[in-house]
Amino acid sequence: MKRILLLAVVALVCALPGFAQESKVDIFAGYSFLHTSPGSGLPSANASGWEGALTYNWNSWLGLKADIDGHYCCDASLHNFLFGPKVTLGHEKASPFLHALFGVSHGSASGVSDDAFAFALGGGLDIKATDRISVRVGQLDYLGTRFAGYTQNNMRFSAGLVFRLGGK
C-alpha cells in the first residue's frame, strides 16, 4: 500500500509541469493546530492534526473550497467538514486569500460524540515555489462551533503544500 501511494505521488509530481500556467484546481495538504475554547467554564486546550482542502477556481480570483480537518488531544477528537467561497487577491509570487466556510463539526470525547454547525472565517498566504507547487506559509481561521448549547470560539492555524492542477 505504501509503495502504491509513493508511486502515485511521484507520478503526480512528475506530471505537474505539463499543466497550464493558471490552475483550475488547488489541492492543499498540511499540518493544523487548533486552540479550543469549549465554553461553559471548561478549560481551553491545544490540539494538533491535519487539514486538507480542494478548491475549484471559477476564475482567477474566485473559487469554491471544500475543507476537511482532524484535530486530536486529551482523549478527544474534532473533525470539520466545511465548504464555501475563497477569494484570491494575487497570483504572482505571493497569493493572499480570504474564505468563508460553513458546514458541520463532529466531536468526540470519552466515548461520547456529537455533530454541530461549524464555520471558519479567515485567510492565508501561499508563496509560489514552482509553477505547480506553492507553500502555504500560514492560514489563520476563527472556527466557530456550537456543541451542547455552548458556543466554542476556536482558533485554527494551518501550513503545508498547495498543488495546482489543470489549466484555465
N, C-alpha and C. Protein backbone atom coordinates (compact mmCIF):
# COMPACT_ATOMS: atom_id res chain seq x y z
N MET A 1 0.82 -1.19 0.00
CA MET A 1 0.00 0.00 0.00
C MET A 1 0.87 1.26 0.00
N LYS A 2 1.93 1.26 0.82
CA LYS A 2 2.81 2.42 0.87
C LYS A 2 3.50 2.64 -0.46
N ARG A 3 3.87 1.55 -1.14
CA ARG A 3 4.53 1.68 -2.44
C ARG A 3 3.59 2.28 -3.48
N ILE A 4 2.33 1.87 -3.45
CA ILE A 4 1.35 2.41 -4.40
C ILE A 4 1.14 3.90 -4.16
N LEU A 5 1.03 4.29 -2.89
CA LEU A 5 0.86 5.70 -2.56
C LEU A 5 2.08 6.51 -2.98
N LEU A 6 3.27 6.00 -2.73
CA LEU A 6 4.50 6.69 -3.13
C LEU A 6 4.58 6.83 -4.65
N LEU A 7 4.23 5.77 -5.37
CA LEU A 7 4.23 5.80 -6.83
C LEU A 7 3.23 6.84 -7.35
N ALA A 8 2.06 6.93 -6.73
CA ALA A 8 1.05 7.91 -7.15
C ALA A 8 1.55 9.34 -6.92
N VAL A 9 2.20 9.57 -5.80
CA VAL A 9 2.73 10.91 -5.50
C VAL A 9 3.83 11.27 -6.50
N VAL A 10 4.73 10.35 -6.78
CA VAL A 10 5.80 10.61 -7.75
C VAL A 10 5.21 10.90 -9.13
N ALA A 11 4.22 10.13 -9.56
CA ALA A 11 3.59 10.35 -10.86
C ALA A 11 2.92 11.72 -10.91
N LEU A 12 2.25 12.11 -9.83
CA LEU A 12 1.60 13.41 -9.76
C LEU A 12 2.61 14.54 -9.86
N VAL A 13 3.69 14.45 -9.12
CA VAL A 13 4.72 15.49 -9.14
C VAL A 13 5.37 15.59 -10.51
N CYS A 14 5.62 14.46 -11.16
CA CYS A 14 6.23 14.47 -12.49
C CYS A 14 5.29 15.05 -13.54
N ALA A 15 3.99 14.88 -13.34
CA ALA A 15 3.01 15.38 -14.31
C ALA A 15 2.71 16.86 -14.15
N LEU A 16 3.04 17.44 -13.01
CA LEU A 16 2.68 18.83 -12.73
C LEU A 16 3.19 19.83 -13.76
N PRO A 17 4.42 19.72 -14.27
CA PRO A 17 4.87 20.71 -15.24
C PRO A 17 4.08 20.71 -16.55
N GLY A 18 3.37 19.64 -16.85
CA GLY A 18 2.61 19.55 -18.08
C GLY A 18 1.32 20.35 -18.07
N PHE A 19 0.88 20.84 -16.93
CA PHE A 19 -0.35 21.59 -16.86
C PHE A 19 -0.12 23.04 -17.27
N ALA A 20 -1.19 23.72 -17.61
CA ALA A 20 -1.10 25.13 -18.00
C ALA A 20 -0.71 26.00 -16.80
N GLN A 21 -0.34 27.25 -17.07
CA GLN A 21 0.15 28.15 -16.03
C GLN A 21 -0.86 28.39 -14.92
N GLU A 22 -2.10 28.74 -15.25
CA GLU A 22 -3.11 29.03 -14.24
C GLU A 22 -3.81 27.73 -13.88
N SER A 23 -4.07 27.54 -12.58
CA SER A 23 -4.66 26.28 -12.15
C SER A 23 -6.18 26.37 -12.13
N LYS A 24 -6.80 25.25 -12.39
CA LYS A 24 -8.25 25.13 -12.29
C LYS A 24 -8.61 24.54 -10.93
N VAL A 25 -7.72 23.72 -10.38
CA VAL A 25 -7.96 23.06 -9.09
C VAL A 25 -6.72 23.19 -8.24
N ASP A 26 -6.91 23.56 -6.98
CA ASP A 26 -5.82 23.61 -6.00
C ASP A 26 -6.09 22.56 -4.93
N ILE A 27 -5.04 21.81 -4.59
CA ILE A 27 -5.15 20.80 -3.53
C ILE A 27 -4.16 21.17 -2.44
N PHE A 28 -4.68 21.35 -1.22
CA PHE A 28 -3.85 21.70 -0.06
C PHE A 28 -3.79 20.52 0.89
N ALA A 29 -2.59 20.25 1.43
CA ALA A 29 -2.41 19.24 2.47
C ALA A 29 -1.39 19.76 3.46
N GLY A 30 -1.71 19.67 4.76
CA GLY A 30 -0.74 20.17 5.72
C GLY A 30 -1.08 19.90 7.16
N TYR A 31 -0.23 20.45 8.01
CA TYR A 31 -0.37 20.37 9.46
C TYR A 31 -1.35 21.43 9.94
N SER A 32 -2.09 21.13 11.00
CA SER A 32 -3.02 22.10 11.55
C SER A 32 -2.96 22.08 13.07
N PHE A 33 -3.01 23.27 13.65
CA PHE A 33 -3.02 23.46 15.10
C PHE A 33 -4.35 24.10 15.47
N LEU A 34 -5.00 23.60 16.50
CA LEU A 34 -6.29 24.13 16.93
C LEU A 34 -6.23 24.50 18.41
N HIS A 35 -6.58 25.74 18.71
CA HIS A 35 -6.73 26.18 20.10
C HIS A 35 -8.23 26.20 20.38
N THR A 36 -8.69 25.30 21.24
CA THR A 36 -10.11 25.19 21.52
C THR A 36 -10.49 26.00 22.75
N SER A 37 -11.66 26.56 22.68
CA SER A 37 -12.24 27.28 23.80
C SER A 37 -13.65 26.72 23.99
N PRO A 38 -13.81 25.66 24.78
CA PRO A 38 -15.06 24.92 24.82
C PRO A 38 -16.24 25.64 25.47
N GLY A 39 -16.01 26.71 26.20
CA GLY A 39 -17.12 27.40 26.85
C GLY A 39 -17.59 26.66 28.09
N SER A 40 -18.64 27.09 28.68
CA SER A 40 -19.28 26.51 29.88
C SER A 40 -18.29 26.32 31.03
N GLY A 41 -17.27 27.19 31.12
CA GLY A 41 -16.33 27.11 32.22
C GLY A 41 -15.26 26.05 32.10
N LEU A 42 -15.25 25.31 30.99
CA LEU A 42 -14.24 24.27 30.79
C LEU A 42 -12.93 24.93 30.34
N PRO A 43 -11.80 24.33 30.69
CA PRO A 43 -10.52 24.93 30.29
C PRO A 43 -10.27 24.77 28.79
N SER A 44 -9.53 25.72 28.23
CA SER A 44 -9.16 25.62 26.82
C SER A 44 -8.07 24.57 26.66
N ALA A 45 -7.87 24.14 25.41
CA ALA A 45 -6.86 23.11 25.13
C ALA A 45 -6.27 23.35 23.76
N ASN A 46 -5.12 22.77 23.51
CA ASN A 46 -4.45 22.83 22.21
C ASN A 46 -4.45 21.44 21.60
N ALA A 47 -4.74 21.37 20.31
CA ALA A 47 -4.78 20.09 19.62
C ALA A 47 -4.00 20.19 18.32
N SER A 48 -3.33 19.12 17.95
CA SER A 48 -2.61 19.04 16.68
C SER A 48 -3.37 18.11 15.75
N GLY A 49 -3.16 18.31 14.44
CA GLY A 49 -3.83 17.46 13.48
C GLY A 49 -3.42 17.76 12.06
N TRP A 50 -4.34 17.59 11.16
CA TRP A 50 -4.10 17.73 9.73
C TRP A 50 -5.25 18.52 9.11
N GLU A 51 -4.98 19.03 7.91
CA GLU A 51 -6.02 19.70 7.14
C GLU A 51 -5.79 19.42 5.66
N GLY A 52 -6.87 19.21 4.95
CA GLY A 52 -6.83 19.04 3.51
C GLY A 52 -7.92 19.88 2.89
N ALA A 53 -7.65 20.44 1.72
CA ALA A 53 -8.65 21.25 1.05
C ALA A 53 -8.54 21.10 -0.46
N LEU A 54 -9.67 21.21 -1.11
CA LEU A 54 -9.75 21.17 -2.56
C LEU A 54 -10.51 22.41 -3.00
N THR A 55 -9.91 23.22 -3.88
CA THR A 55 -10.56 24.43 -4.36
C THR A 55 -10.71 24.36 -5.87
N TYR A 56 -11.94 24.53 -6.33
CA TYR A 56 -12.21 24.66 -7.76
C TYR A 56 -12.25 26.15 -8.07
N ASN A 57 -11.36 26.61 -8.93
CA ASN A 57 -11.25 28.02 -9.26
C ASN A 57 -12.14 28.38 -10.45
N TRP A 58 -13.21 29.15 -10.19
CA TRP A 58 -14.13 29.59 -11.24
C TRP A 58 -13.43 30.54 -12.20
N ASN A 59 -12.60 31.42 -11.64
CA ASN A 59 -11.83 32.36 -12.45
C ASN A 59 -10.55 32.67 -11.67
N SER A 60 -9.85 33.73 -12.05
CA SER A 60 -8.54 34.00 -11.44
C SER A 60 -8.63 34.45 -9.98
N TRP A 61 -9.80 34.85 -9.49
CA TRP A 61 -9.89 35.36 -8.13
C TRP A 61 -10.95 34.68 -7.26
N LEU A 62 -11.89 33.92 -7.84
CA LEU A 62 -12.98 33.31 -7.07
C LEU A 62 -12.98 31.80 -7.22
N GLY A 63 -13.04 31.10 -6.08
CA GLY A 63 -13.09 29.66 -6.09
C GLY A 63 -14.10 29.12 -5.09
N LEU A 64 -14.44 27.85 -5.24
CA LEU A 64 -15.30 27.14 -4.29
C LEU A 64 -14.42 26.13 -3.56
N LYS A 65 -14.37 26.23 -2.24
CA LYS A 65 -13.43 25.45 -1.44
C LYS A 65 -14.17 24.42 -0.58
N ALA A 66 -13.62 23.20 -0.56
CA ALA A 66 -14.05 22.14 0.36
C ALA A 66 -12.87 21.88 1.29
N ASP A 67 -13.10 21.96 2.59
CA ASP A 67 -12.03 21.91 3.59
C ASP A 67 -12.39 20.86 4.64
N ILE A 68 -11.46 19.95 4.89
CA ILE A 68 -11.67 18.89 5.88
C ILE A 68 -10.46 18.88 6.81
N ASP A 69 -10.71 18.74 8.12
CA ASP A 69 -9.59 18.66 9.05
C ASP A 69 -9.89 17.68 10.18
N GLY A 70 -8.84 17.33 10.91
CA GLY A 70 -8.96 16.48 12.09
C GLY A 70 -7.95 16.93 13.12
N HIS A 71 -8.40 17.09 14.37
CA HIS A 71 -7.53 17.50 15.48
C HIS A 71 -7.72 16.56 16.64
N TYR A 72 -6.62 16.28 17.37
CA TYR A 72 -6.64 15.25 18.40
C TYR A 72 -5.90 15.72 19.64
N CYS A 73 -6.54 15.53 20.79
CA CYS A 73 -5.91 15.89 22.06
C CYS A 73 -6.71 15.29 23.21
N CYS A 74 -5.99 14.84 24.20
CA CYS A 74 -6.61 14.54 25.50
C CYS A 74 -7.79 13.59 25.40
N ASP A 75 -7.66 12.48 24.68
CA ASP A 75 -8.74 11.50 24.51
C ASP A 75 -9.96 12.11 23.81
N ALA A 76 -9.74 13.13 22.98
CA ALA A 76 -10.83 13.76 22.24
C ALA A 76 -10.39 14.02 20.81
N SER A 77 -11.37 14.14 19.93
CA SER A 77 -11.08 14.48 18.54
C SER A 77 -12.15 15.41 18.00
N LEU A 78 -11.77 16.21 17.02
CA LEU A 78 -12.69 17.12 16.36
C LEU A 78 -12.39 17.08 14.87
N HIS A 79 -13.42 16.83 14.08
CA HIS A 79 -13.30 16.82 12.62
C HIS A 79 -14.30 17.82 12.05
N ASN A 80 -13.85 18.64 11.11
CA ASN A 80 -14.70 19.64 10.48
C ASN A 80 -14.80 19.37 8.99
N PHE A 81 -16.00 19.55 8.45
CA PHE A 81 -16.29 19.38 7.03
C PHE A 81 -16.94 20.69 6.56
N LEU A 82 -16.16 21.53 5.88
CA LEU A 82 -16.58 22.90 5.60
C LEU A 82 -16.51 23.21 4.10
N PHE A 83 -17.41 24.08 3.64
CA PHE A 83 -17.48 24.43 2.22
C PHE A 83 -17.82 25.91 2.10
N GLY A 84 -17.30 26.57 1.05
CA GLY A 84 -17.66 27.96 0.82
C GLY A 84 -16.75 28.65 -0.16
N PRO A 85 -16.96 29.96 -0.34
CA PRO A 85 -16.18 30.72 -1.32
C PRO A 85 -14.79 31.08 -0.80
N LYS A 86 -13.85 31.14 -1.75
CA LYS A 86 -12.48 31.57 -1.48
C LYS A 86 -12.13 32.66 -2.48
N VAL A 87 -11.64 33.78 -1.98
CA VAL A 87 -11.24 34.90 -2.83
C VAL A 87 -9.72 35.03 -2.76
N THR A 88 -9.07 34.93 -3.92
CA THR A 88 -7.61 35.05 -4.00
C THR A 88 -7.27 36.45 -4.50
N LEU A 89 -6.34 37.11 -3.80
CA LEU A 89 -6.05 38.51 -4.07
C LEU A 89 -4.81 38.74 -4.93
N GLY A 90 -4.00 37.75 -5.19
CA GLY A 90 -2.79 37.91 -6.00
C GLY A 90 -2.42 36.61 -6.66
N HIS A 91 -1.57 36.67 -7.69
CA HIS A 91 -1.20 35.43 -8.39
C HIS A 91 0.25 35.36 -8.80
N GLU A 92 1.06 36.29 -8.45
CA GLU A 92 2.47 36.23 -8.83
C GLU A 92 3.21 35.33 -7.83
N LYS A 93 4.19 35.85 -7.15
CA LYS A 93 4.94 35.06 -6.15
C LYS A 93 4.11 34.80 -4.90
N ALA A 94 3.31 35.77 -4.50
CA ALA A 94 2.51 35.65 -3.28
C ALA A 94 1.03 35.72 -3.62
N SER A 95 0.25 34.82 -3.02
CA SER A 95 -1.19 34.80 -3.24
C SER A 95 -1.92 34.82 -1.91
N PRO A 96 -2.23 36.01 -1.39
CA PRO A 96 -3.06 36.07 -0.19
C PRO A 96 -4.50 35.70 -0.54
N PHE A 97 -5.22 35.11 0.41
CA PHE A 97 -6.60 34.72 0.15
C PHE A 97 -7.45 34.88 1.41
N LEU A 98 -8.76 34.97 1.18
CA LEU A 98 -9.76 35.02 2.24
C LEU A 98 -10.82 33.97 1.93
N HIS A 99 -11.43 33.41 2.98
CA HIS A 99 -12.52 32.46 2.75
C HIS A 99 -13.56 32.55 3.87
N ALA A 100 -14.77 32.12 3.54
CA ALA A 100 -15.87 31.99 4.50
C ALA A 100 -16.46 30.60 4.28
N LEU A 101 -16.22 29.70 5.22
CA LEU A 101 -16.58 28.29 5.06
C LEU A 101 -17.65 27.90 6.09
N PHE A 102 -18.58 27.05 5.67
CA PHE A 102 -19.68 26.64 6.53
C PHE A 102 -19.90 25.15 6.39
N GLY A 103 -20.32 24.48 7.47
CA GLY A 103 -20.57 23.05 7.39
C GLY A 103 -20.87 22.45 8.74
N VAL A 104 -20.27 21.29 8.98
CA VAL A 104 -20.55 20.53 10.19
C VAL A 104 -19.26 20.14 10.89
N SER A 105 -19.34 20.07 12.20
CA SER A 105 -18.22 19.63 13.04
C SER A 105 -18.64 18.38 13.78
N HIS A 106 -17.76 17.39 13.84
CA HIS A 106 -18.03 16.15 14.57
C HIS A 106 -17.00 16.04 15.69
N GLY A 107 -17.48 16.09 16.91
CA GLY A 107 -16.59 15.99 18.06
C GLY A 107 -16.87 14.74 18.85
N SER A 108 -15.80 14.17 19.42
CA SER A 108 -15.98 13.01 20.29
C SER A 108 -14.96 13.08 21.42
N ALA A 109 -15.42 12.65 22.59
CA ALA A 109 -14.56 12.62 23.78
C ALA A 109 -15.11 11.58 24.74
N SER A 110 -14.24 10.76 25.26
CA SER A 110 -14.60 9.74 26.27
C SER A 110 -15.78 8.89 25.84
N GLY A 111 -15.82 8.51 24.57
CA GLY A 111 -16.86 7.62 24.07
C GLY A 111 -18.17 8.29 23.70
N VAL A 112 -18.28 9.60 23.87
CA VAL A 112 -19.48 10.34 23.52
C VAL A 112 -19.17 11.20 22.30
N SER A 113 -20.09 11.22 21.33
CA SER A 113 -19.86 12.04 20.14
C SER A 113 -21.11 12.84 19.80
N ASP A 114 -20.89 13.93 19.05
CA ASP A 114 -21.99 14.81 18.68
C ASP A 114 -21.59 15.57 17.41
N ASP A 115 -22.59 16.02 16.67
CA ASP A 115 -22.39 16.84 15.48
C ASP A 115 -22.96 18.23 15.74
N ALA A 116 -22.34 19.24 15.15
CA ALA A 116 -22.79 20.61 15.34
C ALA A 116 -22.48 21.45 14.11
N PHE A 117 -23.21 22.55 13.97
CA PHE A 117 -22.92 23.51 12.91
C PHE A 117 -21.54 24.11 13.16
N ALA A 118 -20.80 24.37 12.09
CA ALA A 118 -19.46 24.96 12.22
C ALA A 118 -19.24 25.95 11.08
N PHE A 119 -18.38 26.92 11.33
CA PHE A 119 -17.98 27.85 10.29
C PHE A 119 -16.56 28.32 10.56
N ALA A 120 -15.86 28.66 9.49
CA ALA A 120 -14.49 29.18 9.59
C ALA A 120 -14.40 30.44 8.75
N LEU A 121 -13.95 31.52 9.38
CA LEU A 121 -13.72 32.78 8.70
C LEU A 121 -12.25 33.11 8.83
N GLY A 122 -11.57 33.32 7.70
CA GLY A 122 -10.15 33.61 7.79
C GLY A 122 -9.51 33.72 6.44
N GLY A 123 -8.22 33.44 6.42
CA GLY A 123 -7.46 33.52 5.19
C GLY A 123 -6.03 33.12 5.41
N GLY A 124 -5.23 33.32 4.39
CA GLY A 124 -3.85 32.90 4.49
C GLY A 124 -3.00 33.44 3.37
N LEU A 125 -1.80 32.88 3.25
CA LEU A 125 -0.84 33.31 2.25
C LEU A 125 -0.12 32.11 1.67
N ASP A 126 -0.17 32.01 0.33
CA ASP A 126 0.57 30.98 -0.41
C ASP A 126 1.74 31.65 -1.12
N ILE A 127 2.92 31.05 -1.03
CA ILE A 127 4.11 31.55 -1.72
C ILE A 127 4.48 30.53 -2.80
N LYS A 128 4.62 31.00 -4.02
CA LYS A 128 4.92 30.14 -5.16
C LYS A 128 6.34 29.56 -5.04
N ALA A 129 6.45 28.24 -5.12
CA ALA A 129 7.74 27.56 -5.11
C ALA A 129 8.13 27.18 -6.55
N THR A 130 7.17 26.62 -7.29
CA THR A 130 7.35 26.29 -8.71
C THR A 130 6.06 26.71 -9.41
N ASP A 131 5.96 26.44 -10.72
CA ASP A 131 4.73 26.77 -11.43
C ASP A 131 3.53 26.01 -10.90
N ARG A 132 3.74 24.84 -10.33
CA ARG A 132 2.64 23.98 -9.90
C ARG A 132 2.58 23.73 -8.40
N ILE A 133 3.55 24.18 -7.64
CA ILE A 133 3.58 23.94 -6.19
C ILE A 133 3.80 25.25 -5.46
N SER A 134 2.98 25.49 -4.45
CA SER A 134 3.15 26.65 -3.57
C SER A 134 3.26 26.15 -2.13
N VAL A 135 3.82 26.99 -1.29
CA VAL A 135 3.91 26.71 0.14
C VAL A 135 2.89 27.60 0.84
N ARG A 136 1.97 26.98 1.55
CA ARG A 136 1.04 27.76 2.37
C ARG A 136 1.77 28.06 3.67
N VAL A 137 2.33 29.27 3.75
CA VAL A 137 3.13 29.64 4.91
C VAL A 137 2.25 29.84 6.14
N GLY A 138 0.99 30.09 5.92
CA GLY A 138 0.08 30.21 7.04
C GLY A 138 -1.35 30.44 6.60
N GLN A 139 -2.25 29.85 7.36
CA GLN A 139 -3.68 30.09 7.21
C GLN A 139 -4.22 30.21 8.62
N LEU A 140 -4.92 31.28 8.90
CA LEU A 140 -5.46 31.52 10.23
C LEU A 140 -6.96 31.70 10.13
N ASP A 141 -7.70 30.93 10.94
CA ASP A 141 -9.16 30.96 10.90
C ASP A 141 -9.75 31.10 12.29
N TYR A 142 -10.84 31.84 12.38
CA TYR A 142 -11.72 31.77 13.53
C TYR A 142 -12.67 30.63 13.22
N LEU A 143 -12.69 29.58 14.05
CA LEU A 143 -13.52 28.41 13.84
C LEU A 143 -14.59 28.39 14.92
N GLY A 144 -15.81 28.64 14.53
CA GLY A 144 -16.91 28.66 15.47
C GLY A 144 -17.71 27.37 15.40
N THR A 145 -18.03 26.80 16.57
CA THR A 145 -18.88 25.62 16.65
C THR A 145 -19.87 25.83 17.81
N ARG A 146 -20.90 24.98 17.87
CA ARG A 146 -21.86 25.07 18.95
C ARG A 146 -22.27 23.67 19.37
N PHE A 147 -21.58 23.15 20.39
CA PHE A 147 -21.89 21.84 20.95
C PHE A 147 -22.57 22.00 22.31
N ALA A 148 -23.53 21.15 22.59
CA ALA A 148 -24.20 21.07 23.90
C ALA A 148 -24.75 22.42 24.36
N GLY A 149 -25.22 23.23 23.42
CA GLY A 149 -25.81 24.51 23.78
C GLY A 149 -24.81 25.62 24.09
N TYR A 150 -23.52 25.35 23.94
CA TYR A 150 -22.49 26.35 24.21
C TYR A 150 -21.71 26.65 22.93
N THR A 151 -21.40 27.91 22.74
CA THR A 151 -20.60 28.32 21.59
C THR A 151 -19.13 28.16 21.90
N GLN A 152 -18.41 27.53 20.99
CA GLN A 152 -16.96 27.37 21.13
C GLN A 152 -16.28 28.34 20.16
N ASN A 153 -15.39 29.17 20.68
CA ASN A 153 -14.64 30.13 19.89
C ASN A 153 -13.22 29.60 19.74
N ASN A 154 -12.94 28.97 18.62
CA ASN A 154 -11.67 28.30 18.41
C ASN A 154 -10.81 29.06 17.40
N MET A 155 -9.50 28.86 17.48
CA MET A 155 -8.56 29.42 16.52
C MET A 155 -7.82 28.26 15.86
N ARG A 156 -7.76 28.29 14.52
CA ARG A 156 -7.09 27.22 13.76
C ARG A 156 -5.99 27.84 12.92
N PHE A 157 -4.79 27.27 13.01
CA PHE A 157 -3.65 27.68 12.18
C PHE A 157 -3.18 26.47 11.39
N SER A 158 -2.95 26.65 10.09
CA SER A 158 -2.50 25.56 9.23
C SER A 158 -1.38 26.02 8.33
N ALA A 159 -0.54 25.07 7.92
CA ALA A 159 0.54 25.34 6.97
C ALA A 159 0.84 24.04 6.22
N GLY A 160 1.30 24.16 4.97
CA GLY A 160 1.62 22.96 4.20
C GLY A 160 1.89 23.29 2.75
N LEU A 161 1.55 22.36 1.87
CA LEU A 161 1.82 22.48 0.43
C LEU A 161 0.50 22.59 -0.35
N VAL A 162 0.56 23.38 -1.42
CA VAL A 162 -0.59 23.52 -2.35
C VAL A 162 -0.13 23.03 -3.71
N PHE A 163 -0.87 22.09 -4.27
CA PHE A 163 -0.59 21.57 -5.60
C PHE A 163 -1.63 22.16 -6.56
N ARG A 164 -1.17 22.80 -7.63
CA ARG A 164 -2.04 23.50 -8.58
C ARG A 164 -2.15 22.65 -9.85
N LEU A 165 -3.38 22.23 -10.17
CA LEU A 165 -3.60 21.31 -11.28
C LEU A 165 -4.53 21.93 -12.33
N GLY A 166 -4.39 21.46 -13.56
CA GLY A 166 -5.29 21.86 -14.64
C GLY A 166 -5.05 23.27 -15.13
N GLY A 167 -5.54 23.54 -16.31
CA GLY A 167 -5.40 24.87 -16.89
C GLY A 167 -6.74 25.52 -17.12
N LYS A 168 -6.71 26.82 -17.18
CA LYS A 168 -7.97 27.55 -17.43
C LYS A 168 -8.11 27.87 -18.89
